């Protein structure tokens, strides 16, 4: 217990600090908000240079990550099998897609694909 006998007001002297109890509601709220944020979405519609796009795509290619690509109104989920400066080759469960890099609107790490 902290000695507050020097304080002039009785209410301040008698105050009992509840420690984390007073912050737990705020913490849980912020924690849940952070978990729900889409921090792993890369939006190519913003002005990224070709070098920046290729860097992000090459990281997905090297690590063989499953990615959701939004191209126009279509969403393609697969892994990158071919990567060059103009287009990527994406293997999905059904077939291959060749997508021009300039047509990719967003790229997001996919959850595990159900077998």
PDB file of N, CA and C in Angstrom:
ATOM      1  N   UNK A   1       0.841  -1.169   0.000  1.00  0.00           N
ATOM      2  CA  UNK A   1       0.000   0.000   0.000  1.00  0.00           C
ATOM      3  C   UNK A   1       0.887   1.233   0.000  1.00  0.00           C
ATOM      4  N   UNK A   2       0.510   2.225  -0.742  1.00  0.00           N
ATOM      5  CA  UNK A   2       1.266   3.463  -0.855  1.00  0.00           C
ATOM      6  C   UNK A   2       0.851   4.413   0.263  1.00  0.00           C
ATOM      7  N   UNK A   3       1.849   5.053   0.886  1.00  0.00           N
ATOM      8  CA  UNK A   3       1.582   6.015   1.966  1.00  0.00           C
ATOM      9  C   UNK A   3       1.200   7.361   1.355  1.00  0.00           C
ATOM     10  N   UNK A   4      -0.036   7.758   1.559  1.00  0.00           N
ATOM     11  CA  UNK A   4      -0.522   9.038   1.041  1.00  0.00           C
ATOM     12  C   UNK A   4      -0.909   9.986   2.183  1.00  0.00           C
ATOM     13  N   UNK A   5      -0.315   9.786   3.347  1.00  0.00           N
ATOM     14  CA  UNK A   5      -0.679  10.588   4.521  1.00  0.00           C
ATOM     15  C   UNK A   5      -0.327  12.068   4.366  1.00  0.00           C
ATOM     16  N   UNK A   6       0.547  12.391   3.459  1.00  0.00           N
ATOM     17  CA  UNK A   6       0.944  13.782   3.241  1.00  0.00           C
ATOM     18  C   UNK A   6      -0.089  14.575   2.443  1.00  0.00           C
ATOM     19  N   UNK A   7      -1.052  13.904   1.812  1.00  0.00           N
ATOM     20  CA  UNK A   7      -2.036  14.593   0.978  1.00  0.00           C
ATOM     21  C   UNK A   7      -3.071  15.308   1.842  1.00  0.00           C
ATOM     22  N   UNK A   8      -3.530  16.489   1.409  1.00  0.00           N
ATOM     23  CA  UNK A   8      -4.445  17.285   2.228  1.00  0.00           C
ATOM     24  C   UNK A   8      -5.884  16.773   2.242  1.00  0.00           C
ATOM     25  N   UNK A   9      -6.296  16.023   1.233  1.00  0.00           N
ATOM     26  CA  UNK A   9      -7.691  15.596   1.143  1.00  0.00           C
ATOM     27  C   UNK A   9      -7.841  14.150   1.604  1.00  0.00           C
ATOM     28  N   UNK A  10      -8.862  13.902   2.404  1.00  0.00           N
ATOM     29  CA  UNK A  10      -9.106  12.561   2.935  1.00  0.00           C
ATOM     30  C   UNK A  10      -9.361  11.562   1.807  1.00  0.00           C
ATOM     31  N   UNK A  11     -10.132  11.963   0.799  1.00  0.00           N
ATOM     32  CA  UNK A  11     -10.443  11.048  -0.306  1.00  0.00           C
ATOM     33  C   UNK A  11      -9.173  10.623  -1.038  1.00  0.00           C
ATOM     34  N   UNK A  12      -8.223  11.524  -1.196  1.00  0.00           N
ATOM     35  CA  UNK A  12      -6.956  11.188  -1.845  1.00  0.00           C
ATOM     36  C   UNK A  12      -6.120  10.273  -0.955  1.00  0.00           C
ATOM     37  N   UNK A  13      -6.159  10.499   0.359  1.00  0.00           N
ATOM     38  CA  UNK A  13      -5.393   9.652   1.286  1.00  0.00           C
ATOM     39  C   UNK A  13      -5.955   8.238   1.337  1.00  0.00           C
ATOM     40  N   UNK A  14      -7.268   8.090   1.191  1.00  0.00           N
ATOM     41  CA  UNK A  14      -7.923   6.790   1.313  1.00  0.00           C
ATOM     42  C   UNK A  14      -8.026   6.037  -0.022  1.00  0.00           C
ATOM     43  N   UNK A  15      -7.592   6.662  -1.100  1.00  0.00           N
ATOM     44  CA  UNK A  15      -7.719   6.044  -2.425  1.00  0.00           C
ATOM     45  C   UNK A  15      -6.955   4.726  -2.487  1.00  0.00           C
ATOM     46  N   UNK A  16      -7.612   3.704  -2.984  1.00  0.00           N
ATOM     47  CA  UNK A  16      -6.994   2.390  -3.167  1.00  0.00           C
ATOM     48  C   UNK A  16      -6.880   2.118  -4.668  1.00  0.00           C
ATOM     49  N   UNK A  17      -5.661   2.033  -5.150  1.00  0.00           N
ATOM     50  CA  UNK A  17      -5.407   1.809  -6.575  1.00  0.00           C
ATOM     51  C   UNK A  17      -5.741   0.362  -6.928  1.00  0.00           C
ATOM     52  N   UNK A  18      -6.584   0.189  -7.944  1.00  0.00           N
ATOM     53  CA  UNK A  18      -7.008  -1.155  -8.337  1.00  0.00           C
ATOM     54  C   UNK A  18      -6.082  -1.771  -9.378  1.00  0.00           C
ATOM     55  N   UNK A  19      -4.998  -1.125  -9.678  1.00  0.00           N
ATOM     56  CA  UNK A  19      -3.984  -1.595 -10.631  1.00  0.00           C
ATOM     57  C   UNK A  19      -4.615  -1.858 -12.003  1.00  0.00           C
ATOM     58  N   UNK A  20      -4.427  -3.045 -12.519  1.00  0.00           N
ATOM     59  CA  UNK A  20      -4.855  -3.371 -13.883  1.00  0.00           C
ATOM     60  C   UNK A  20      -6.374  -3.400 -14.045  1.00  0.00           C
ATOM     61  N   UNK A  21      -7.117  -3.545 -12.973  1.00  0.00           N
ATOM     62  CA  UNK A  21      -8.576  -3.656 -13.076  1.00  0.00           C
ATOM     63  C   UNK A  21      -9.193  -2.452 -13.766  1.00  0.00           C
ATOM     64  N   UNK A  22      -8.622  -1.288 -13.552  1.00  0.00           N
ATOM     65  CA  UNK A  22      -9.205  -0.098 -14.164  1.00  0.00           C
ATOM     66  C   UNK A  22      -8.862   0.011 -15.648  1.00  0.00           C
ATOM     67  N   UNK A  23      -7.853  -0.718 -16.110  1.00  0.00           N
ATOM     68  CA  UNK A  23      -7.434  -0.636 -17.514  1.00  0.00           C
ATOM     69  C   UNK A  23      -7.855  -1.853 -18.332  1.00  0.00           C
ATOM     70  N   UNK A  24      -8.280  -2.919 -17.713  1.00  0.00           N
ATOM     71  CA  UNK A  24      -8.523  -4.173 -18.430  1.00  0.00           C
ATOM     72  C   UNK A  24      -9.591  -4.039 -19.508  1.00  0.00           C
ATOM     73  N   UNK A  25     -10.627  -3.257 -19.254  1.00  0.00           N
ATOM     74  CA  UNK A  25     -11.655  -3.066 -20.280  1.00  0.00           C
ATOM     75  C   UNK A  25     -11.100  -2.384 -21.507  1.00  0.00           C
ATOM     76  N   UNK A  26     -10.290  -1.370 -21.312  1.00  0.00           N
ATOM     77  CA  UNK A  26      -9.651  -0.676 -22.429  1.00  0.00           C
ATOM     78  C   UNK A  26      -8.708  -1.616 -23.163  1.00  0.00           C
ATOM     79  N   UNK A  27      -7.903  -2.369 -22.416  1.00  0.00           N
ATOM     80  CA  UNK A  27      -6.952  -3.286 -23.020  1.00  0.00           C
ATOM     81  C   UNK A  27      -7.654  -4.324 -23.890  1.00  0.00           C
ATOM     82  N   UNK A  28      -8.695  -4.946 -23.370  1.00  0.00           N
ATOM     83  CA  UNK A  28      -9.408  -5.970 -24.128  1.00  0.00           C
ATOM     84  C   UNK A  28     -10.040  -5.394 -25.382  1.00  0.00           C
ATOM     85  N   UNK A  29     -10.594  -4.195 -25.280  1.00  0.00           N
ATOM     86  CA  UNK A  29     -11.195  -3.546 -26.432  1.00  0.00           C
ATOM     87  C   UNK A  29     -10.151  -3.286 -27.515  1.00  0.00           C
ATOM     88  N   UNK A  30      -9.015  -2.729 -27.130  1.00  0.00           N
ATOM     89  CA  UNK A  30      -7.947  -2.442 -28.087  1.00  0.00           C
ATOM     90  C   UNK A  30      -7.363  -3.725 -28.660  1.00  0.00           C
ATOM     91  N   UNK A  31      -7.221  -4.749 -27.828  1.00  0.00           N
ATOM     92  CA  UNK A  31      -6.670  -6.022 -28.279  1.00  0.00           C
ATOM     93  C   UNK A  31      -7.571  -6.651 -29.344  1.00  0.00           C
ATOM     94  N   UNK A  32      -8.876  -6.660 -29.096  1.00  0.00           N
ATOM     95  CA  UNK A  32      -9.814  -7.217 -30.071  1.00  0.00           C
ATOM     96  C   UNK A  32      -9.816  -6.412 -31.358  1.00  0.00           C
ATOM     97  N   UNK A  33      -9.734  -5.100 -31.259  1.00  0.00           N
ATOM     98  CA  UNK A  33      -9.690  -4.253 -32.453  1.00  0.00           C
ATOM     99  C   UNK A  33      -8.443  -4.551 -33.273  1.00  0.00           C
ATOM    100  N   UNK A  34      -7.323  -4.722 -32.605  1.00  0.00           N
ATOM    101  CA  UNK A  34      -6.074  -5.008 -33.305  1.00  0.00           C
ATOM    102  C   UNK A  34      -6.136  -6.362 -34.006  1.00  0.00           C
ATOM    103  N   UNK A  35      -6.766  -7.331 -33.382  1.00  0.00           N
ATOM    104  CA  UNK A  35      -6.881  -8.647 -34.006  1.00  0.00           C
ATOM    105  C   UNK A  35      -7.770  -8.616 -35.242  1.00  0.00           C
ATOM    106  N   UNK A  36      -8.754  -7.728 -35.253  1.00  0.00           N
ATOM    107  CA  UNK A  36      -9.684  -7.652 -36.371  1.00  0.00           C
ATOM    108  C   UNK A  36      -9.184  -6.786 -37.514  1.00  0.00           C
ATOM    109  N   UNK A  37      -8.102  -6.036 -37.300  1.00  0.00           N
ATOM    110  CA  UNK A  37      -7.565  -5.186 -38.367  1.00  0.00           C
ATOM    111  C   UNK A  37      -7.014  -6.042 -39.496  1.00  0.00           C
ATOM    112  N   UNK A  38      -7.132  -5.525 -40.695  1.00  0.00           N
ATOM    113  CA  UNK A  38      -6.582  -6.208 -41.861  1.00  0.00           C
ATOM    114  C   UNK A  38      -5.201  -5.647 -42.160  1.00  0.00           C
ATOM    115  N   UNK A  39      -4.255  -5.960 -41.322  1.00  0.00           N
ATOM    116  CA  UNK A  39      -2.911  -5.458 -41.498  1.00  0.00           C
ATOM    117  C   UNK A  39      -2.124  -6.204 -42.545  1.00  0.00           C
ATOM    118  N   UNK A  40      -2.589  -7.346 -42.992  1.00  0.00           N
ATOM    119  CA  UNK A  40      -1.844  -8.138 -43.956  1.00  0.00           C
ATOM    120  C   UNK A  40      -2.350  -7.975 -45.383  1.00  0.00           C
ATOM    121  N   UNK A  41      -3.078  -6.905 -45.670  1.00  0.00           N
ATOM    122  CA  UNK A  41      -3.574  -6.635 -47.019  1.00  0.00           C
ATOM    123  C   UNK A  41      -2.657  -5.620 -47.677  1.00  0.00           C
ATOM    124  N   UNK A  42      -2.174  -5.938 -48.861  1.00  0.00           N
ATOM    125  CA  UNK A  42      -1.356  -5.007 -49.624  1.00  0.00           C
ATOM    126  C   UNK A  42      -2.217  -4.477 -50.755  1.00  0.00           C
ATOM    127  N   UNK A  43      -2.455  -3.184 -50.751  1.00  0.00           N
ATOM    128  CA  UNK A  43      -3.324  -2.539 -51.731  1.00  0.00           C
ATOM    129  C   UNK A  43      -2.468  -1.953 -52.845  1.00  0.00           C
ATOM    130  N   UNK A  44      -2.502  -2.597 -54.031  1.00  0.00           N
ATOM    131  CA  UNK A  44      -1.697  -2.144 -55.161  1.00  0.00           C
ATOM    132  C   UNK A  44      -2.326  -0.956 -55.871  1.00  0.00           C
ATOM    133  N   UNK A  45      -3.564  -0.596 -55.520  1.00  0.00           N
ATOM    134  CA  UNK A  45      -4.196   0.539 -56.189  1.00  0.00           C
ATOM    135  C   UNK A  45      -3.533   1.846 -55.771  1.00  0.00           C
ATOM    136  N   UNK A  46      -2.825   1.826 -54.638  1.00  0.00           N
ATOM    137  CA  UNK A  46      -2.047   2.989 -54.232  1.00  0.00           C
ATOM    138  C   UNK A  46      -0.783   3.034 -55.087  1.00  0.00           C
ATOM    139  N   UNK A  47      -0.120   4.148 -55.056  1.00  0.00           N
ATOM    140  CA  UNK A  47       1.035   4.349 -55.923  1.00  0.00           C
ATOM    141  C   UNK A  47       2.263   3.602 -55.404  1.00  0.00           C
ATOM    142  N   UNK A  48       2.384   2.336 -55.757  1.00  0.00           N
ATOM    143  CA  UNK A  48       3.591   1.576 -55.470  1.00  0.00           C
ATOM    144  C   UNK A  48       4.400   1.511 -56.757  1.00  0.00           C
ATOM    145  N   UNK A  49       5.696   1.649 -56.629  1.00  0.00           N
ATOM    146  CA  UNK A  49       6.533   1.532 -57.822  1.00  0.00           C
ATOM    147  C   UNK A  49       6.594   0.066 -58.239  1.00  0.00           C
ATOM    148  N   UNK A  50       7.015  -0.172 -59.466  1.00  0.00           N
ATOM    149  CA  UNK A  50       7.128  -1.542 -59.961  1.00  0.00           C
ATOM    150  C   UNK A  50       8.116  -2.328 -59.102  1.00  0.00           C
ATOM    151  N   UNK A  51       9.197  -1.683 -58.668  1.00  0.00           N
ATOM    152  CA  UNK A  51      10.180  -2.360 -57.818  1.00  0.00           C
ATOM    153  C   UNK A  51       9.564  -2.807 -56.495  1.00  0.00           C
ATOM    154  N   UNK A  52       8.727  -1.963 -55.900  1.00  0.00           N
ATOM    155  CA  UNK A  52       8.072  -2.320 -54.635  1.00  0.00           C
ATOM    156  C   UNK A  52       7.096  -3.473 -54.837  1.00  0.00           C
ATOM    157  N   UNK A  53       6.343  -3.438 -55.931  1.00  0.00           N
ATOM    158  CA  UNK A  53       5.416  -4.535 -56.225  1.00  0.00           C
ATOM    159  C   UNK A  53       6.182  -5.840 -56.423  1.00  0.00           C
ATOM    160  N   UNK A  54       7.266  -5.772 -57.189  1.00  0.00           N
ATOM    161  CA  UNK A  54       8.048  -6.981 -57.452  1.00  0.00           C
ATOM    162  C   UNK A  54       8.685  -7.526 -56.175  1.00  0.00           C
ATOM    163  N   UNK A  55       9.090  -6.653 -55.278  1.00  0.00           N
ATOM    164  CA  UNK A  55       9.659  -7.104 -54.008  1.00  0.00           C
ATOM    165  C   UNK A  55       8.621  -7.889 -53.208  1.00  0.00           C
ATOM    166  N   UNK A  56       7.419  -7.353 -53.097  1.00  0.00           N
ATOM    167  CA  UNK A  56       6.355  -8.035 -52.349  1.00  0.00           C
ATOM    168  C   UNK A  56       5.971  -9.360 -53.011  1.00  0.00           C
ATOM    169  N   UNK A  57       5.860  -9.345 -54.329  1.00  0.00           N
ATOM    170  CA  UNK A  57       5.509 -10.567 -55.048  1.00  0.00           C
ATOM    171  C   UNK A  57       6.628 -11.604 -54.948  1.00  0.00           C
ATOM    172  N   UNK A  58       7.881 -11.154 -55.002  1.00  0.00           N
ATOM    173  CA  UNK A  58       8.996 -12.104 -54.923  1.00  0.00           C
ATOM    174  C   UNK A  58       9.079 -12.749 -53.540  1.00  0.00           C
ATOM    175  N   UNK A  59       8.720 -12.004 -52.494  1.00  0.00           N
ATOM    176  CA  UNK A  59       8.693 -12.599 -51.158  1.00  0.00           C
ATOM    177  C   UNK A  59       7.643 -13.703 -51.083  1.00  0.00           C
ATOM    178  N   UNK A  60       6.479 -13.457 -51.663  1.00  0.00           N
ATOM    179  CA  UNK A  60       5.429 -14.486 -51.688  1.00  0.00           C
ATOM    180  C   UNK A  60       5.871 -15.678 -52.533  1.00  0.00           C
ATOM    181  N   UNK A  61       6.582 -15.409 -53.629  1.00  0.00           N
ATOM    182  CA  UNK A  61       7.065 -16.463 -54.527  1.00  0.00           C
ATOM    183  C   UNK A  61       8.111 -17.332 -53.830  1.00  0.00           C
ATOM    184  N   UNK A  62       9.095 -16.704 -53.203  1.00  0.00           N
ATOM    185  CA  UNK A  62      10.188 -17.434 -52.564  1.00  0.00           C
ATOM    186  C   UNK A  62       9.680 -18.309 -51.424  1.00  0.00           C
ATOM    187  N   UNK A  63       8.743 -17.797 -50.644  1.00  0.00           N
ATOM    188  CA  UNK A  63       8.227 -18.547 -49.495  1.00  0.00           C
ATOM    189  C   UNK A  63       7.042 -19.439 -49.853  1.00  0.00           C
ATOM    190  N   UNK A  64       6.657 -19.454 -51.134  1.00  0.00           N
ATOM    191  CA  UNK A  64       5.538 -20.279 -51.606  1.00  0.00           C
ATOM    192  C   UNK A  64       4.291 -20.082 -50.752  1.00  0.00           C
ATOM    193  N   UNK A  65       3.946 -18.813 -50.523  1.00  0.00           N
ATOM    194  CA  UNK A  65       2.775 -18.471 -49.726  1.00  0.00           C
ATOM    195  C   UNK A  65       1.512 -18.539 -50.576  1.00  0.00           C
ATOM    196  N   UNK A  66       0.414 -18.930 -49.974  1.00  0.00           N
ATOM    197  CA  UNK A  66      -0.876 -18.914 -50.648  1.00  0.00           C
ATOM    198  C   UNK A  66      -1.460 -17.517 -50.488  1.00  0.00           C
ATOM    199  N   UNK A  67      -1.783 -16.903 -51.622  1.00  0.00           N
ATOM    200  CA  UNK A  67      -2.186 -15.503 -51.655  1.00  0.00           C
ATOM    201  C   UNK A  67      -3.550 -15.371 -52.324  1.00  0.00           C
ATOM    202  N   UNK A  68      -4.369 -14.431 -51.820  1.00  0.00           N
ATOM    203  CA  UNK A  68      -5.605 -14.020 -52.500  1.00  0.00           C
ATOM    204  C   UNK A  68      -5.279 -12.788 -53.336  1.00  0.00           C
ATOM    205  N   UNK A  69      -5.403 -12.902 -54.654  1.00  0.00           N
ATOM    206  CA  UNK A  69      -5.196 -11.769 -55.552  1.00  0.00           C
ATOM    207  C   UNK A  69      -6.552 -11.276 -56.015  1.00  0.00           C
ATOM    208  N   UNK A  70      -6.785  -9.966 -55.937  1.00  0.00           N
ATOM    209  CA  UNK A  70      -7.992  -9.381 -56.506  1.00  0.00           C
ATOM    210  C   UNK A  70      -7.579  -8.721 -57.809  1.00  0.00           C
ATOM    211  N   UNK A  71      -8.150  -9.246 -58.900  1.00  0.00           N
ATOM    212  CA  UNK A  71      -7.857  -8.742 -60.240  1.00  0.00           C
ATOM    213  C   UNK A  71      -9.188  -8.339 -60.851  1.00  0.00           C
ATOM    214  N   UNK A  72      -9.410  -7.040 -61.002  1.00  0.00           N
ATOM    215  CA  UNK A  72     -10.718  -6.568 -61.456  1.00  0.00           C
ATOM    216  C   UNK A  72     -11.749  -6.900 -60.394  1.00  0.00           C
ATOM    217  N   UNK A  73     -12.763  -7.663 -60.779  1.00  0.00           N
ATOM    218  CA  UNK A  73     -13.786  -8.085 -59.819  1.00  0.00           C
ATOM    219  C   UNK A  73     -13.593  -9.535 -59.388  1.00  0.00           C
ATOM    220  N   UNK A  74     -12.560 -10.186 -59.893  1.00  0.00           N
ATOM    221  CA  UNK A  74     -12.314 -11.602 -59.624  1.00  0.00           C
ATOM    222  C   UNK A  74     -11.269 -11.771 -58.524  1.00  0.00           C
ATOM    223  N   UNK A  75     -11.469 -12.747 -57.652  1.00  0.00           N
ATOM    224  CA  UNK A  75     -10.478 -13.099 -56.637  1.00  0.00           C
ATOM    225  C   UNK A  75      -9.868 -14.438 -57.005  1.00  0.00           C
ATOM    226  N   UNK A  76      -8.548 -14.470 -57.080  1.00  0.00           N
ATOM    227  CA  UNK A  76      -7.814 -15.683 -57.431  1.00  0.00           C
ATOM    228  C   UNK A  76      -6.953 -16.060 -56.238  1.00  0.00           C
ATOM    229  N   UNK A  77      -7.095 -17.299 -55.763  1.00  0.00           N
ATOM    230  CA  UNK A  77      -6.328 -17.773 -54.616  1.00  0.00           C
ATOM    231  C   UNK A  77      -5.386 -18.872 -55.071  1.00  0.00           C
ATOM    232  N   UNK A  78      -4.094 -18.666 -54.835  1.00  0.00           N
ATOM    233  CA  UNK A  78      -3.116 -19.663 -55.231  1.00  0.00           C
ATOM    234  C   UNK A  78      -1.708 -19.240 -54.878  1.00  0.00           C
ATOM    235  N   UNK A  79      -0.745 -20.029 -55.360  1.00  0.00           N
ATOM    236  CA  UNK A  79       0.667 -19.720 -55.129  1.00  0.00           C
ATOM    237  C   UNK A  79       1.302 -19.264 -56.427  1.00  0.00           C
ATOM    238  N   UNK A  80       2.294 -18.396 -56.307  1.00  0.00           N
ATOM    239  CA  UNK A  80       2.985 -17.865 -57.484  1.00  0.00           C
ATOM    240  C   UNK A  80       3.995 -18.903 -57.955  1.00  0.00           C
ATOM    241  N   UNK A  81       3.874 -19.312 -59.230  1.00  0.00           N
ATOM    242  CA  UNK A  81       4.803 -20.282 -59.802  1.00  0.00           C
ATOM    243  C   UNK A  81       5.737 -19.643 -60.819  1.00  0.00           C
ATOM    244  N   UNK A  82       5.319 -18.530 -61.409  1.00  0.00           N
ATOM    245  CA  UNK A  82       6.137 -17.807 -62.388  1.00  0.00           C
ATOM    246  C   UNK A  82       6.118 -16.338 -62.008  1.00  0.00           C
ATOM    247  N   UNK A  83       7.290 -15.712 -62.029  1.00  0.00           N
ATOM    248  CA  UNK A  83       7.383 -14.298 -61.687  1.00  0.00           C
ATOM    249  C   UNK A  83       8.367 -13.630 -62.630  1.00  0.00           C
ATOM    250  N   UNK A  84       7.901 -12.617 -63.348  1.00  0.00           N
ATOM    251  CA  UNK A  84       8.803 -11.772 -64.124  1.00  0.00           C
ATOM    252  C   UNK A  84       8.361 -10.328 -63.980  1.00  0.00           C
ATOM    253  N   UNK A  85       8.983  -9.419 -64.698  1.00  0.00           N
ATOM    254  CA  UNK A  85       8.712  -7.992 -64.489  1.00  0.00           C
ATOM    255  C   UNK A  85       7.366  -7.542 -65.027  1.00  0.00           C
ATOM    256  N   UNK A  86       6.684  -8.369 -65.813  1.00  0.00           N
ATOM    257  CA  UNK A  86       5.414  -7.958 -66.412  1.00  0.00           C
ATOM    258  C   UNK A  86       4.210  -8.721 -65.885  1.00  0.00           C
ATOM    259  N   UNK A  87       4.407  -9.997 -65.533  1.00  0.00           N
ATOM    260  CA  UNK A  87       3.268 -10.808 -65.102  1.00  0.00           C
ATOM    261  C   UNK A  87       3.704 -11.876 -64.115  1.00  0.00           C
ATOM    262  N   UNK A  88       2.698 -12.473 -63.467  1.00  0.00           N
ATOM    263  CA  UNK A  88       2.950 -13.596 -62.567  1.00  0.00           C
ATOM    264  C   UNK A  88       2.101 -14.777 -63.016  1.00  0.00           C
ATOM    265  N   UNK A  89       2.578 -15.959 -62.737  1.00  0.00           N
ATOM    266  CA  UNK A  89       1.805 -17.172 -62.956  1.00  0.00           C
ATOM    267  C   UNK A  89       1.330 -17.680 -61.608  1.00  0.00           C
ATOM    268  N   UNK A  90       0.038 -17.891 -61.481  1.00  0.00           N
ATOM    269  CA  UNK A  90      -0.545 -18.328 -60.214  1.00  0.00           C
ATOM    270  C   UNK A  90      -1.195 -19.690 -60.416  1.00  0.00           C
ATOM    271  N   UNK A  91      -0.805 -20.650 -59.582  1.00  0.00           N
ATOM    272  CA  UNK A  91      -1.403 -21.979 -59.627  1.00  0.00           C
ATOM    273  C   UNK A  91      -2.492 -22.055 -58.575  1.00  0.00           C
ATOM    274  N   UNK A  92      -3.727 -22.326 -59.037  1.00  0.00           N
ATOM    275  CA  UNK A  92      -4.846 -22.537 -58.123  1.00  0.00           C
ATOM    276  C   UNK A  92      -5.110 -24.035 -58.052  1.00  0.00           C
ATOM    277  N   UNK A  93      -6.155 -24.430 -57.349  1.00  0.00           N
ATOM    278  CA  UNK A  93      -6.494 -25.853 -57.269  1.00  0.00           C
ATOM    279  C   UNK A  93      -6.913 -26.412 -58.629  1.00  0.00           C
ATOM    280  N   UNK A  94      -7.585 -25.574 -59.433  1.00  0.00           N
ATOM    281  CA  UNK A  94      -8.128 -26.057 -60.694  1.00  0.00           C
ATOM    282  C   UNK A  94      -7.167 -25.879 -61.873  1.00  0.00           C
ATOM    283  N   UNK A  95      -6.532 -24.713 -61.997  1.00  0.00           N
ATOM    284  CA  UNK A  95      -5.683 -24.446 -63.154  1.00  0.00           C
ATOM    285  C   UNK A  95      -4.726 -23.288 -62.885  1.00  0.00           C
ATOM    286  N   UNK A  96      -4.022 -22.858 -63.952  1.00  0.00           N
ATOM    287  CA  UNK A  96      -3.057 -21.763 -63.853  1.00  0.00           C
ATOM    288  C   UNK A  96      -3.655 -20.479 -64.397  1.00  0.00           C
ATOM    289  N   UNK A  97      -3.233 -19.362 -63.813  1.00  0.00           N
ATOM    290  CA  UNK A  97      -3.612 -18.039 -64.310  1.00  0.00           C
ATOM    291  C   UNK A  97      -2.330 -17.250 -64.545  1.00  0.00           C
ATOM    292  N   UNK A  98      -2.283 -16.509 -65.640  1.00  0.00           N
ATOM    293  CA  UNK A  98      -1.204 -15.555 -65.849  1.00  0.00           C
ATOM    294  C   UNK A  98      -1.805 -14.170 -65.708  1.00  0.00           C
ATOM    295  N   UNK A  99      -1.306 -13.416 -64.723  1.00  0.00           N
ATOM    296  CA  UNK A  99      -1.893 -12.131 -64.364  1.00  0.00           C
ATOM    297  C   UNK A  99      -0.863 -11.031 -64.590  1.00  0.00           C
ATOM    298  N   UNK A 100      -1.198 -10.029 -65.414  1.00  0.00           N
ATOM    299  CA  UNK A 100      -0.297  -8.872 -65.531  1.00  0.00           C
ATOM    300  C   UNK A 100      -0.204  -8.150 -64.182  1.00  0.00           C
ATOM    301  N   UNK A 101       0.995  -7.788 -63.791  1.00  0.00           N
ATOM    302  CA  UNK A 101       1.199  -7.137 -62.489  1.00  0.00           C
ATOM    303  C   UNK A 101       0.399  -5.848 -62.387  1.00  0.00           C
ATOM    304  N   UNK A 102       0.270  -5.124 -63.483  1.00  0.00           N
ATOM    305  CA  UNK A 102      -0.459  -3.849 -63.459  1.00  0.00           C
ATOM    306  C   UNK A 102      -1.949  -4.041 -63.178  1.00  0.00           C
ATOM    307  N   UNK A 103      -2.491  -5.255 -63.381  1.00  0.00           N
ATOM    308  CA  UNK A 103      -3.915  -5.516 -63.165  1.00  0.00           C
ATOM    309  C   UNK A 103      -4.254  -5.944 -61.731  1.00  0.00           C
ATOM    310  N   UNK A 104      -3.245  -6.222 -60.910  1.00  0.00           N
ATOM    311  CA  UNK A 104      -3.485  -6.666 -59.532  1.00  0.00           C
ATOM    312  C   UNK A 104      -3.911  -5.467 -58.697  1.00  0.00           C
ATOM    313  N   UNK A 105      -5.090  -5.570 -58.080  1.00  0.00           N
ATOM    314  CA  UNK A 105      -5.602  -4.480 -57.244  1.00  0.00           C
ATOM    315  C   UNK A 105      -5.148  -4.655 -55.800  1.00  0.00           C
ATOM    316  N   UNK A 106      -5.378  -5.839 -55.221  1.00  0.00           N
ATOM    317  CA  UNK A 106      -4.900  -6.118 -53.864  1.00  0.00           C
ATOM    318  C   UNK A 106      -4.323  -7.514 -53.794  1.00  0.00           C
ATOM    319  N   UNK A 107      -3.514  -7.722 -52.763  1.00  0.00           N
ATOM    320  CA  UNK A 107      -2.868  -9.010 -52.533  1.00  0.00           C
ATOM    321  C   UNK A 107      -2.930  -9.246 -51.034  1.00  0.00           C
ATOM    322  N   UNK A 108      -3.456 -10.405 -50.612  1.00  0.00           N
ATOM    323  CA  UNK A 108      -3.619 -10.690 -49.186  1.00  0.00           C
ATOM    324  C   UNK A 108      -3.208 -12.123 -48.912  1.00  0.00           C
ATOM    325  N   UNK A 109      -2.521 -12.317 -47.803  1.00  0.00           N
ATOM    326  CA  UNK A 109      -2.149 -13.653 -47.381  1.00  0.00           C
ATOM    327  C   UNK A 109      -3.417 -14.449 -47.113  1.00  0.00           C
ATOM    328  N   UNK A 110      -3.532 -15.611 -47.747  1.00  0.00           N
ATOM    329  CA  UNK A 110      -4.753 -16.418 -47.628  1.00  0.00           C
ATOM    330  C   UNK A 110      -4.691 -17.298 -46.390  1.00  0.00           C
ATOM    331  N   UNK A 111      -5.858 -17.595 -45.844  1.00  0.00           N
ATOM    332  CA  UNK A 111      -5.947 -18.601 -44.798  1.00  0.00           C
ATOM    333  C   UNK A 111      -5.694 -19.934 -45.472  1.00  0.00           C
ATOM    334  N   UNK A 112      -5.503 -20.968 -44.679  1.00  0.00           N
ATOM    335  CA  UNK A 112      -5.252 -22.278 -45.259  1.00  0.00           C
ATOM    336  C   UNK A 112      -6.386 -22.679 -46.186  1.00  0.00           C
ATOM    337  N   UNK A 113      -6.003 -23.210 -47.340  1.00  0.00           N
ATOM    338  CA  UNK A 113      -6.998 -23.675 -48.306  1.00  0.00           C
ATOM    339  C   UNK A 113      -7.488 -25.046 -47.865  1.00  0.00           C
ATOM    340  N   UNK A 114      -8.788 -25.195 -47.858  1.00  0.00           N
ATOM    341  CA  UNK A 114      -9.365 -26.477 -47.456  1.00  0.00           C
ATOM    342  C   UNK A 114      -9.130 -27.498 -48.551  1.00  0.00           C
ATOM    343  N   UNK A 115      -8.664 -28.673 -48.167  1.00  0.00           N
ATOM    344  CA  UNK A 115      -8.377 -29.722 -49.148  1.00  0.00           C
ATOM    345  C   UNK A 115      -9.625 -30.460 -49.545  1.00  0.00           C
TER     346      UNK A 115
END
